[in-house]
Amino acid sequence: MGGSLRIRSYFPHPPGSMVSETSSLESLAVAERVRELMSRHGIGKRQQTAELCRILDLSFSQGHRKLRGNSPWTLAQIRRVADAFDEPALQLFDSIDTRPDETEGTAHDAVLKLGSVEIPCTAWIGDALDAGSRPDFIAQKVNGRWIVTRHEGVLLQQASDVHKIEIQPRRADTEKPVIAVVDDDHASADNLHDYLEMTGFTAMAFYGLDAFLEALQSQVFDAVVIDWLFGAHTSAGAIQAVRESDNPDAPIFVLTGELTTGKASESEISQIIRDYNVACFEKPARLGILVADLSKRLLRN
C-alpha cells in the first residue's frame, strides 16, 4: 500500500500557505546560483540566458527575467537546470525548504490524466506497487514519460506508487513572447498590438522612439516591429540599440509606407537590412503574413 497522497494545485494562495514557487528573495538567490553554475561550466554571461531558454523551453524575455530573479522558479525548473549540468539540485535550493515533509519518492515531470484531460505536473513517484494494492493514484512509464492516473479497484497491472502530485497553472503573461510595437501612428500601433495579442503574443506598444529606448534599458523583447520614419528621424538608432541590447538577436521588422512618396530612402533602408539583419514590410502590412514570418523567426532563434 502506498503512503498518504497529497495533491497540490498552486493557484492564488492565502498568506502563509505552502507553495512550490520561490518567493522574490528566493528567486534572486536561485538566479544567482544558476548563473554561478553556468559560469563554472564555461557558459559565458552573454550566452547564459539563451542556454536557460534552451533547457527550460522559455522565450528570451522570460529566461532573462528568471535569470535575474524577477520571475519565480518552480522546483521542477530548478531540478531541470541541475540535471542539465549533471549537478545536485540541492545546491540551487539552499534557502528553499527541501525537507521531505512526509513526502517519499523521487520528483519527476509527469502528465496527470483525468478522463480525456491531460495536465502537466510534477509527481513524487515511489516503489513498484504489489499486486492487489489499492492506491488512489498510480504512475506508469509510457513511451518515455510518466503517466499518472487515478486507480479504482484492485491493482492488476505493473505500476508505481505516487506520493504527491503538484499541478502548476500556465501563466500566459510570463510565457508568451514579448513583442515591442513602435509607431508614432497610434492607430497603426494599437491595431498591430491587438492582432499580436490575439495571435498568442504579449505586445507592448510605444508611440515614440524615446519611450521605446527608455524601455529598452530595463526590458528585454523577443522581437521588435518598428516604423521607419518618426517625424524628421529614422529608427536606425533604435535598431542599433536593439542589436546592442541583452537580446541582440531579436528579430526586427521595419515598417514603412513612404517608399513610394520618396520620404523614406530606399538606400538607407537597404543599408539597415544589410547591417542589422532586419526584415522590411510596406504599410499597410498584411498582419497575417507578418506574424507568420515573426513566428518562424522566433522558432528559429
C-alpha atoms as a PDB file:
ATOM      1  CA  MET A   1       0.000   0.000   0.000  1.00  0.00           C
ATOM      2  CA  GLY A   2       1.265   3.485  -0.748  1.00  0.00           C
ATOM      3  CA  GLY A   3       1.591   6.247   1.785  1.00  0.00           C
ATOM      4  CA  SER A   4      -0.811   9.139   2.112  1.00  0.00           C
ATOM      5  CA  LEU A   5      -1.087  11.042  -1.170  1.00  0.00           C
ATOM      6  CA  ARG A   6      -1.204  14.824  -1.384  1.00  0.00           C
ATOM      7  CA  ILE A   7      -2.206  16.766  -4.472  1.00  0.00           C
ATOM      8  CA  ARG A   8      -1.331  20.436  -4.603  1.00  0.00           C
ATOM      9  CA  SER A   9      -2.660  22.849  -7.190  1.00  0.00           C
ATOM     10  CA  TYR A  10      -0.809  26.156  -6.993  1.00  0.00           C
ATOM     11  CA  PHE A  11      -3.421  28.768  -7.693  1.00  0.00           C
ATOM     12  CA  PRO A  12      -3.546  32.087  -5.778  1.00  0.00           C
ATOM     13  CA  HIS A  13      -2.987  31.200  -2.152  1.00  0.00           C
ATOM     14  CA  PRO A  14      -3.528  32.858   1.227  1.00  0.00           C
ATOM     15  CA  PRO A  15      -0.582  34.249   3.201  1.00  0.00           C
ATOM     16  CA  GLY A  16       1.377  31.571   4.975  1.00  0.00           C
ATOM     17  CA  SER A  17       0.224  28.701   2.762  1.00  0.00           C
ATOM     18  CA  MET A  18       2.802  26.282   1.352  1.00  0.00           C
ATOM     19  CA  VAL A  19       3.789  26.886  -2.272  1.00  0.00           C
ATOM     20  CA  SER A  20       6.201  25.260  -4.725  1.00  0.00           C
ATOM     21  CA  GLU A  21       7.394  28.542  -6.232  1.00  0.00           C
ATOM     22  CA  THR A  22      10.194  30.685  -4.917  1.00  0.00           C
ATOM     23  CA  SER A  23       9.465  33.999  -3.260  1.00  0.00           C
ATOM     24  CA  SER A  24      11.026  37.164  -4.680  1.00  0.00           C
ATOM     25  CA  LEU A  25      14.059  36.953  -2.369  1.00  0.00           C
ATOM     26  CA  GLU A  26      14.467  33.231  -3.024  1.00  0.00           C
ATOM     27  CA  SER A  27      14.160  33.840  -6.770  1.00  0.00           C
ATOM     28  CA  LEU A  28      17.094  36.235  -6.615  1.00  0.00           C
ATOM     29  CA  ALA A  29      19.144  33.692  -4.665  1.00  0.00           C
ATOM     30  CA  VAL A  30      18.322  30.840  -7.045  1.00  0.00           C
ATOM     31  CA  ALA A  31      19.075  33.011 -10.096  1.00  0.00           C
ATOM     32  CA  GLU A  32      22.486  33.906  -8.670  1.00  0.00           C
ATOM     33  CA  ARG A  33      23.338  30.243  -8.041  1.00  0.00           C
ATOM     34  CA  VAL A  34      22.187  29.270 -11.540  1.00  0.00           C
ATOM     35  CA  ARG A  35      24.431  31.948 -13.038  1.00  0.00           C
ATOM     36  CA  GLU A  36      27.350  30.695 -10.932  1.00  0.00           C
ATOM     37  CA  LEU A  37      26.647  27.105 -12.000  1.00  0.00           C
ATOM     38  CA  MET A  38      26.655  28.086 -15.677  1.00  0.00           C
ATOM     39  CA  SER A  39      29.872  30.060 -15.267  1.00  0.00           C
ATOM     40  CA  ARG A  40      31.558  27.019 -13.705  1.00  0.00           C
ATOM     41  CA  HIS A  41      30.543  25.014 -16.757  1.00  0.00           C
ATOM     42  CA  GLY A  42      32.002  27.532 -19.191  1.00  0.00           C
ATOM     43  CA  ILE A  43      28.796  29.308 -20.209  1.00  0.00           C
ATOM     44  CA  GLY A  44      29.654  32.993 -20.688  1.00  0.00           C
ATOM     45  CA  LYS A  45      27.404  35.723 -19.317  1.00  0.00           C
ATOM     46  CA  ARG A  46      26.139  36.675 -22.769  1.00  0.00           C
ATOM     47  CA  GLN A  47      25.144  33.068 -23.504  1.00  0.00           C
ATOM     48  CA  GLN A  48      23.517  32.187 -20.176  1.00  0.00           C
ATOM     49  CA  THR A  49      20.022  33.440 -20.952  1.00  0.00           C
ATOM     50  CA  ALA A  50      19.932  31.585 -24.266  1.00  0.00           C
ATOM     51  CA  GLU A  51      21.142  28.401 -22.543  1.00  0.00           C
ATOM     52  CA  LEU A  52      18.488  28.691 -19.838  1.00  0.00           C
ATOM     53  CA  CYS A  53      15.824  29.211 -22.520  1.00  0.00           C
ATOM     54  CA  ARG A  54      17.009  26.032 -24.238  1.00  0.00           C
ATOM     55  CA  ILE A  55      16.898  23.988 -21.024  1.00  0.00           C
ATOM     56  CA  LEU A  56      13.506  25.232 -19.828  1.00  0.00           C
ATOM     57  CA  ASP A  57      11.927  25.930 -23.242  1.00  0.00           C
ATOM     58  CA  LEU A  58      11.343  29.616 -22.483  1.00  0.00           C
ATOM     59  CA  SER A  59      11.159  32.739 -24.596  1.00  0.00           C
ATOM     60  CA  PHE A  60      14.193  35.005 -24.317  1.00  0.00           C
ATOM     61  CA  SER A  61      12.325  37.631 -22.311  1.00  0.00           C
ATOM     62  CA  GLN A  62      11.052  35.043 -19.837  1.00  0.00           C
ATOM     63  CA  GLY A  63      14.503  33.480 -19.473  1.00  0.00           C
ATOM     64  CA  HIS A  64      16.004  36.946 -18.981  1.00  0.00           C
ATOM     65  CA  ARG A  65      13.581  37.723 -16.122  1.00  0.00           C
ATOM     66  CA  LYS A  66      14.135  34.364 -14.498  1.00  0.00           C
ATOM     67  CA  LEU A  67      17.930  34.570 -14.660  1.00  0.00           C
ATOM     68  CA  ARG A  68      17.784  37.958 -12.939  1.00  0.00           C
ATOM     69  CA  GLY A  69      15.443  36.794 -10.209  1.00  0.00           C
ATOM     70  CA  ASN A  70      12.444  38.766 -11.488  1.00  0.00           C
ATOM     71  CA  SER A  71      10.358  35.662 -12.137  1.00  0.00           C
ATOM     72  CA  PRO A  72       9.610  32.830  -9.681  1.00  0.00           C
ATOM     73  CA  TRP A  73      11.259  29.434 -10.065  1.00  0.00           C
ATOM     74  CA  THR A  74       9.356  26.200  -9.674  1.00  0.00           C
ATOM     75  CA  LEU A  75      11.008  23.229  -8.046  1.00  0.00           C
ATOM     76  CA  ALA A  76      10.755  21.298 -11.308  1.00  0.00           C
ATOM     77  CA  GLN A  77      12.594  24.069 -13.197  1.00  0.00           C
ATOM     78  CA  ILE A  78      15.406  24.115 -10.648  1.00  0.00           C
ATOM     79  CA  ARG A  79      15.793  20.355 -10.965  1.00  0.00           C
ATOM     80  CA  ARG A  80      15.867  20.548 -14.767  1.00  0.00           C
ATOM     81  CA  VAL A  81      18.688  23.087 -14.693  1.00  0.00           C
ATOM     82  CA  ALA A  82      20.693  20.985 -12.242  1.00  0.00           C
ATOM     83  CA  ASP A  83      20.104  17.821 -14.286  1.00  0.00           C
ATOM     84  CA  ALA A  84      21.227  19.590 -17.482  1.00  0.00           C
ATOM     85  CA  PHE A  85      24.665  20.117 -15.910  1.00  0.00           C
ATOM     86  CA  ASP A  86      24.699  16.805 -14.019  1.00  0.00           C
ATOM     87  CA  GLU A  87      24.899  18.533 -10.650  1.00  0.00           C
ATOM     88  CA  PRO A  88      22.816  18.020  -7.479  1.00  0.00           C
ATOM     89  CA  ALA A  89      19.737  20.224  -7.348  1.00  0.00           C
ATOM     90  CA  LEU A  90      20.138  20.788  -3.617  1.00  0.00           C
ATOM     91  CA  GLN A  91      22.898  23.360  -4.164  1.00  0.00           C
ATOM     92  CA  LEU A  92      20.447  25.556  -6.091  1.00  0.00           C
ATOM     93  CA  PHE A  93      17.719  25.393  -3.449  1.00  0.00           C
ATOM     94  CA  ASP A  94      19.642  26.461  -0.335  1.00  0.00           C
ATOM     95  CA  SER A  95      17.110  28.653   1.487  1.00  0.00           C
ATOM     96  CA  ILE A  96      14.117  26.901  -0.076  1.00  0.00           C
ATOM     97  CA  ASP A  97      12.654  24.303   2.239  1.00  0.00           C
ATOM     98  CA  THR A  98      13.530  20.955   0.668  1.00  0.00           C
ATOM     99  CA  ARG A  99      12.886  18.724   3.642  1.00  0.00           C
ATOM    100  CA  PRO A 100      10.855  15.636   2.817  1.00  0.00           C
ATOM    101  CA  ASP A 101       7.903  16.879   4.971  1.00  0.00           C
ATOM    102  CA  GLU A 102       6.344  13.404   4.979  1.00  0.00           C
ATOM    103  CA  THR A 103       6.961  13.019   1.244  1.00  0.00           C
ATOM    104  CA  GLU A 104       8.722   9.982  -0.170  1.00  0.00           C
ATOM    105  CA  GLY A 105       9.745   9.023  -3.673  1.00  0.00           C
ATOM    106  CA  THR A 106      11.506  10.996  -6.380  1.00  0.00           C
ATOM    107  CA  ALA A 107      10.134  14.009  -8.255  1.00  0.00           C
ATOM    108  CA  HIS A 108       9.530  13.531 -11.988  1.00  0.00           C
ATOM    109  CA  ASP A 109       7.918  15.618 -14.715  1.00  0.00           C
ATOM    110  CA  ALA A 110       4.708  13.763 -15.498  1.00  0.00           C
ATOM    111  CA  VAL A 111       1.246  14.020 -17.021  1.00  0.00           C
ATOM    112  CA  LEU A 112      -1.841  13.654 -14.860  1.00  0.00           C
ATOM    113  CA  LYS A 113      -4.664  12.062 -16.867  1.00  0.00           C
ATOM    114  CA  LEU A 114      -8.194  12.673 -15.623  1.00  0.00           C
ATOM    115  CA  GLY A 115     -10.518  11.176 -18.180  1.00  0.00           C
ATOM    116  CA  SER A 116      -9.680  12.812 -21.514  1.00  0.00           C
ATOM    117  CA  VAL A 117      -7.860  15.727 -19.854  1.00  0.00           C
ATOM    118  CA  GLU A 118      -4.049  15.722 -19.618  1.00  0.00           C
ATOM    119  CA  ILE A 119      -2.412  18.092 -17.118  1.00  0.00           C
ATOM    120  CA  PRO A 120       1.381  18.642 -16.875  1.00  0.00           C
ATOM    121  CA  CYS A 121       2.523  18.068 -13.304  1.00  0.00           C
ATOM    122  CA  THR A 122       5.372  17.063 -11.039  1.00  0.00           C
ATOM    123  CA  ALA A 123       4.815  13.679  -9.420  1.00  0.00           C
ATOM    124  CA  TRP A 124       6.716  12.157  -6.498  1.00  0.00           C
ATOM    125  CA  ILE A 125       6.960   8.518  -7.564  1.00  0.00           C
ATOM    126  CA  GLY A 126       7.935   5.712  -5.247  1.00  0.00           C
ATOM    127  CA  ASP A 127       8.481   1.973  -5.493  1.00  0.00           C
ATOM    128  CA  ALA A 128       6.644  -0.533  -7.632  1.00  0.00           C
ATOM    129  CA  LEU A 129       3.317  -1.487  -6.107  1.00  0.00           C
ATOM    130  CA  ASP A 130       2.416  -5.006  -5.111  1.00  0.00           C
ATOM    131  CA  ALA A 131      -0.352  -6.774  -6.944  1.00  0.00           C
ATOM    132  CA  GLY A 132      -3.602  -6.323  -5.075  1.00  0.00           C
ATOM    133  CA  SER A 133      -2.725  -2.833  -3.802  1.00  0.00           C
ATOM    134  CA  ARG A 134      -5.492  -0.243  -3.627  1.00  0.00           C
ATOM    135  CA  PRO A 135      -3.761   3.113  -4.244  1.00  0.00           C
ATOM    136  CA  ASP A 136      -5.572   6.352  -5.089  1.00  0.00           C
ATOM    137  CA  PHE A 137      -3.194   7.131  -7.955  1.00  0.00           C
ATOM    138  CA  ILE A 138      -0.631   5.121  -9.887  1.00  0.00           C
ATOM    139  CA  ALA A 139       2.281   6.066 -12.167  1.00  0.00           C
ATOM    140  CA  GLN A 140       3.281   4.175 -15.286  1.00  0.00           C
ATOM    141  CA  LYS A 141       6.064   4.979 -17.763  1.00  0.00           C
ATOM    142  CA  VAL A 142       4.652   5.102 -21.291  1.00  0.00           C
ATOM    143  CA  ASN A 143       6.875   5.980 -24.276  1.00  0.00           C
ATOM    144  CA  GLY A 144       9.478   7.526 -22.021  1.00  0.00           C
ATOM    145  CA  ARG A 145       7.164   9.722 -19.936  1.00  0.00           C
ATOM    146  CA  TRP A 146       5.412   9.196 -16.617  1.00  0.00           C
ATOM    147  CA  ILE A 147       1.625   8.989 -16.785  1.00  0.00           C
ATOM    148  CA  VAL A 148      -0.284   9.404 -13.522  1.00  0.00           C
ATOM    149  CA  THR A 149      -3.861   8.174 -13.352  1.00  0.00           C
ATOM    150  CA  ARG A 150      -6.498   7.585 -10.713  1.00  0.00           C
ATOM    151  CA  HIS A 151      -6.845   3.901  -9.869  1.00  0.00           C
ATOM    152  CA  GLU A 152     -10.071   2.203  -8.913  1.00  0.00           C
ATOM    153  CA  GLY A 153     -10.370  -1.299  -7.589  1.00  0.00           C
ATOM    154  CA  VAL A 154      -7.544  -3.814  -7.163  1.00  0.00           C
ATOM    155  CA  LEU A 155      -4.231  -3.210  -8.926  1.00  0.00           C
ATOM    156  CA  LEU A 156      -3.616  -5.762 -11.670  1.00  0.00           C
ATOM    157  CA  GLN A 157      -1.032  -4.138 -13.961  1.00  0.00           C
ATOM    158  CA  GLN A 158       2.541  -3.101 -13.143  1.00  0.00           C
ATOM    159  CA  ALA A 159       2.664   0.409 -11.703  1.00  0.00           C
ATOM    160  CA  SER A 160       4.490   2.576  -9.188  1.00  0.00           C
ATOM    161  CA  ASP A 161       3.305   4.332  -6.073  1.00  0.00           C
ATOM    162  CA  VAL A 162       2.533   8.075  -6.206  1.00  0.00           C
ATOM    163  CA  HIS A 163       3.121  10.036  -3.002  1.00  0.00           C
ATOM    164  CA  LYS A 164       2.479  13.596  -4.114  1.00  0.00           C
ATOM    165  CA  ILE A 165       1.321  15.467  -7.222  1.00  0.00           C
ATOM    166  CA  GLU A 166       1.986  19.153  -7.893  1.00  0.00           C
ATOM    167  CA  ILE A 167      -0.061  20.976 -10.521  1.00  0.00           C
ATOM    168  CA  GLN A 168       1.012  24.433 -11.614  1.00  0.00           C
ATOM    169  CA  PRO A 169      -1.129  26.580 -13.935  1.00  0.00           C
ATOM    170  CA  ARG A 170       0.408  28.122 -17.031  1.00  0.00           C
ATOM    171  CA  ARG A 171       0.878  31.862 -16.719  1.00  0.00           C
ATOM    172  CA  ALA A 172       0.151  33.465 -20.066  1.00  0.00           C
ATOM    173  CA  ASP A 173       1.647  36.809 -19.119  1.00  0.00           C
ATOM    174  CA  THR A 174       5.082  35.314 -18.459  1.00  0.00           C
ATOM    175  CA  GLU A 175       5.202  32.512 -21.010  1.00  0.00           C
ATOM    176  CA  LYS A 176       4.233  34.360 -24.175  1.00  0.00           C
ATOM    177  CA  PRO A 177       6.981  36.006 -26.261  1.00  0.00           C
ATOM    178  CA  VAL A 178       7.055  39.767 -25.682  1.00  0.00           C
ATOM    179  CA  ILE A 179       6.913  41.883 -28.849  1.00  0.00           C
ATOM    180  CA  ALA A 180       7.612  45.633 -28.940  1.00  0.00           C
ATOM    181  CA  VAL A 181       5.484  47.631 -31.376  1.00  0.00           C
ATOM    182  CA  VAL A 182       6.980  51.079 -32.056  1.00  0.00           C
ATOM    183  CA  ASP A 183       4.995  53.521 -34.205  1.00  0.00           C
ATOM    184  CA  ASP A 184       4.024  57.186 -33.785  1.00  0.00           C
ATOM    185  CA  ASP A 185       0.760  56.436 -35.578  1.00  0.00           C
ATOM    186  CA  HIS A 186      -1.335  55.389 -32.567  1.00  0.00           C
ATOM    187  CA  ALA A 187      -3.992  53.653 -34.658  1.00  0.00           C
ATOM    188  CA  SER A 188      -1.421  51.526 -36.512  1.00  0.00           C
ATOM    189  CA  ALA A 189       0.411  50.649 -33.293  1.00  0.00           C
ATOM    190  CA  ASP A 190      -2.802  49.729 -31.484  1.00  0.00           C
ATOM    191  CA  ASN A 191      -4.073  47.670 -34.399  1.00  0.00           C
ATOM    192  CA  LEU A 192      -0.871  45.620 -34.577  1.00  0.00           C
ATOM    193  CA  HIS A 193      -0.737  45.362 -30.774  1.00  0.00           C
ATOM    194  CA  ASP A 194      -4.254  43.896 -30.666  1.00  0.00           C
ATOM    195  CA  TYR A 195      -3.542  41.481 -33.518  1.00  0.00           C
ATOM    196  CA  LEU A 196      -0.383  40.182 -31.816  1.00  0.00           C
ATOM    197  CA  GLU A 197      -2.251  39.708 -28.539  1.00  0.00           C
ATOM    198  CA  MET A 198      -4.999  37.834 -30.385  1.00  0.00           C
ATOM    199  CA  THR A 199      -2.480  35.517 -32.072  1.00  0.00           C
ATOM    200  CA  GLY A 200      -0.700  34.404 -28.898  1.00  0.00           C
ATOM    201  CA  PHE A 201       1.907  37.057 -28.109  1.00  0.00           C
ATOM    202  CA  THR A 202       2.345  39.654 -25.404  1.00  0.00           C
ATOM    203  CA  ALA A 203       2.623  43.019 -27.134  1.00  0.00           C
ATOM    204  CA  MET A 204       3.804  46.373 -25.797  1.00  0.00           C
ATOM    205  CA  ALA A 205       3.033  49.500 -27.833  1.00  0.00           C
ATOM    206  CA  PHE A 206       5.342  52.524 -27.847  1.00  0.00           C
ATOM    207  CA  TYR A 207       4.314  55.703 -29.654  1.00  0.00           C
ATOM    208  CA  GLY A 208       7.772  57.236 -29.991  1.00  0.00           C
ATOM    209  CA  LEU A 209      11.469  56.412 -30.178  1.00  0.00           C
ATOM    210  CA  ASP A 210      12.306  57.945 -26.798  1.00  0.00           C
ATOM    211  CA  ALA A 211       9.734  55.830 -24.963  1.00  0.00           C
ATOM    212  CA  PHE A 212      10.995  52.679 -26.658  1.00  0.00           C
ATOM    213  CA  LEU A 213      14.673  53.432 -25.982  1.00  0.00           C
ATOM    214  CA  GLU A 214      13.879  54.114 -22.332  1.00  0.00           C
ATOM    215  CA  ALA A 215      12.049  50.794 -22.036  1.00  0.00           C
ATOM    216  CA  LEU A 216      14.964  49.016 -23.704  1.00  0.00           C
ATOM    217  CA  GLN A 217      17.168  49.934 -20.737  1.00  0.00           C
ATOM    218  CA  SER A 218      15.245  47.621 -18.437  1.00  0.00           C
ATOM    219  CA  GLN A 219      13.020  45.459 -20.639  1.00  0.00           C
ATOM    220  CA  VAL A 220      14.033  42.632 -22.953  1.00  0.00           C
ATOM    221  CA  PHE A 221      11.936  41.961 -26.047  1.00  0.00           C
ATOM    222  CA  ASP A 222      11.716  38.747 -28.031  1.00  0.00           C
ATOM    223  CA  ALA A 223      11.110  40.747 -31.222  1.00  0.00           C
ATOM    224  CA  VAL A 224      10.584  44.337 -32.353  1.00  0.00           C
ATOM    225  CA  VAL A 225       8.234  45.718 -35.012  1.00  0.00           C
ATOM    226  CA  ILE A 226       9.157  49.343 -35.666  1.00  0.00           C
ATOM    227  CA  ASP A 227       8.165  52.086 -38.096  1.00  0.00           C
ATOM    228  CA  TRP A 228      10.962  53.649 -40.145  1.00  0.00           C
ATOM    229  CA  LEU A 229      10.091  57.351 -40.005  1.00  0.00           C
ATOM    230  CA  PHE A 230       9.381  59.322 -36.822  1.00  0.00           C
ATOM    231  CA  GLY A 231       8.997  62.897 -37.991  1.00  0.00           C
ATOM    232  CA  ALA A 232      12.421  64.006 -39.225  1.00  0.00           C
ATOM    233  CA  HIS A 233      14.141  60.992 -37.680  1.00  0.00           C
ATOM    234  CA  THR A 234      14.504  57.361 -38.718  1.00  0.00           C
ATOM    235  CA  SER A 235      14.549  54.334 -36.438  1.00  0.00           C
ATOM    236  CA  ALA A 236      18.136  53.446 -37.407  1.00  0.00           C
ATOM    237  CA  GLY A 237      19.496  54.396 -33.966  1.00  0.00           C
ATOM    238  CA  ALA A 238      16.809  52.374 -32.176  1.00  0.00           C
ATOM    239  CA  ILE A 239      17.554  49.358 -34.363  1.00  0.00           C
ATOM    240  CA  GLN A 240      21.229  49.630 -33.490  1.00  0.00           C
ATOM    241  CA  ALA A 241      20.282  49.859 -29.795  1.00  0.00           C
ATOM    242  CA  VAL A 242      18.346  46.583 -30.064  1.00  0.00           C
ATOM    243  CA  ARG A 243      21.392  44.908 -31.601  1.00  0.00           C
ATOM    244  CA  GLU A 244      23.455  46.146 -28.631  1.00  0.00           C
ATOM    245  CA  SER A 245      20.871  45.085 -26.018  1.00  0.00           C
ATOM    246  CA  ASP A 246      20.747  41.944 -23.868  1.00  0.00           C
ATOM    247  CA  ASN A 247      18.894  40.175 -26.695  1.00  0.00           C
ATOM    248  CA  PRO A 248      20.894  41.290 -29.746  1.00  0.00           C
ATOM    249  CA  ASP A 249      19.473  38.525 -31.947  1.00  0.00           C
ATOM    250  CA  ALA A 250      15.841  39.566 -31.515  1.00  0.00           C
ATOM    251  CA  PRO A 251      14.032  39.589 -34.879  1.00  0.00           C
ATOM    252  CA  ILE A 252      13.399  43.160 -36.085  1.00  0.00           C
ATOM    253  CA  PHE A 253      10.738  44.147 -38.602  1.00  0.00           C
ATOM    254  CA  VAL A 254      10.820  47.617 -40.154  1.00  0.00           C
ATOM    255  CA  LEU A 255       7.534  49.033 -41.442  1.00  0.00           C
ATOM    256  CA  THR A 256       7.286  51.906 -43.877  1.00  0.00           C
ATOM    257  CA  GLY A 257       4.616  53.441 -46.065  1.00  0.00           C
ATOM    258  CA  GLU A 258       6.777  56.187 -47.502  1.00  0.00           C
ATOM    259  CA  LEU A 259       8.908  54.444 -50.108  1.00  0.00           C
ATOM    260  CA  THR A 260       6.591  55.407 -52.946  1.00  0.00           C
ATOM    261  CA  THR A 261       6.349  59.015 -51.758  1.00  0.00           C
ATOM    262  CA  GLY A 262      10.110  59.414 -51.588  1.00  0.00           C
ATOM    263  CA  LYS A 263      10.067  60.447 -47.900  1.00  0.00           C
ATOM    264  CA  ALA A 264      11.790  57.181 -46.967  1.00  0.00           C
ATOM    265  CA  SER A 265      15.161  56.467 -48.553  1.00  0.00           C
ATOM    266  CA  GLU A 266      15.311  53.063 -50.200  1.00  0.00           C
ATOM    267  CA  SER A 267      19.120  53.074 -49.986  1.00  0.00           C
ATOM    268  CA  GLU A 268      19.088  53.828 -46.238  1.00  0.00           C
ATOM    269  CA  ILE A 269      16.619  51.049 -45.517  1.00  0.00           C
ATOM    270  CA  SER A 270      18.617  48.653 -47.701  1.00  0.00           C
ATOM    271  CA  GLN A 271      21.733  49.502 -45.690  1.00  0.00           C
ATOM    272  CA  ILE A 272      19.914  48.856 -42.396  1.00  0.00           C
ATOM    273  CA  ILE A 273      18.705  45.491 -43.702  1.00  0.00           C
ATOM    274  CA  ARG A 274      22.294  44.530 -44.585  1.00  0.00           C
ATOM    275  CA  ASP A 275      23.921  45.878 -41.427  1.00  0.00           C
ATOM    276  CA  TYR A 276      21.438  44.684 -38.825  1.00  0.00           C
ATOM    277  CA  ASN A 277      19.659  41.714 -40.431  1.00  0.00           C
ATOM    278  CA  VAL A 278      16.156  43.158 -40.321  1.00  0.00           C
ATOM    279  CA  ALA A 279      13.065  42.399 -42.375  1.00  0.00           C
ATOM    280  CA  CYS A 280      11.073  45.130 -44.092  1.00  0.00           C
ATOM    281  CA  PHE A 281       7.321  45.307 -44.732  1.00  0.00           C
ATOM    282  CA  GLU A 282       5.496  48.065 -46.561  1.00  0.00           C
ATOM    283  CA  LYS A 283       2.480  49.655 -44.917  1.00  0.00           C
ATOM    284  CA  PRO A 284      -0.256  48.781 -44.595  1.00  0.00           C
ATOM    285  CA  ALA A 285       1.346  45.499 -43.581  1.00  0.00           C
ATOM    286  CA  ARG A 286      -0.544  42.277 -44.137  1.00  0.00           C
ATOM    287  CA  LEU A 287      -0.655  41.250 -40.492  1.00  0.00           C
ATOM    288  CA  GLY A 288      -1.182  37.550 -41.097  1.00  0.00           C
ATOM    289  CA  ILE A 289       1.973  37.340 -43.241  1.00  0.00           C
ATOM    290  CA  LEU A 290       3.976  39.496 -40.805  1.00  0.00           C
ATOM    291  CA  VAL A 291       3.006  37.336 -37.807  1.00  0.00           C
ATOM    292  CA  ALA A 292       3.736  34.138 -39.727  1.00  0.00           C
ATOM    293  CA  ASP A 293       7.237  35.430 -40.521  1.00  0.00           C
ATOM    294  CA  LEU A 294       7.654  36.561 -36.901  1.00  0.00           C
ATOM    295  CA  SER A 295       6.647  33.158 -35.546  1.00  0.00           C
ATOM    296  CA  LYS A 296       9.051  31.385 -37.906  1.00  0.00           C
ATOM    297  CA  ARG A 297      11.972  33.586 -36.852  1.00  0.00           C
ATOM    298  CA  LEU A 298      11.227  33.163 -33.146  1.00  0.00           C
ATOM    299  CA  LEU A 299      11.159  29.395 -33.516  1.00  0.00           C
ATOM    300  CA  ARG A 300      14.459  29.513 -35.411  1.00  0.00           C
ATOM    301  CA  ASN A 301      16.045  31.599 -32.650  1.00  0.00           C
END
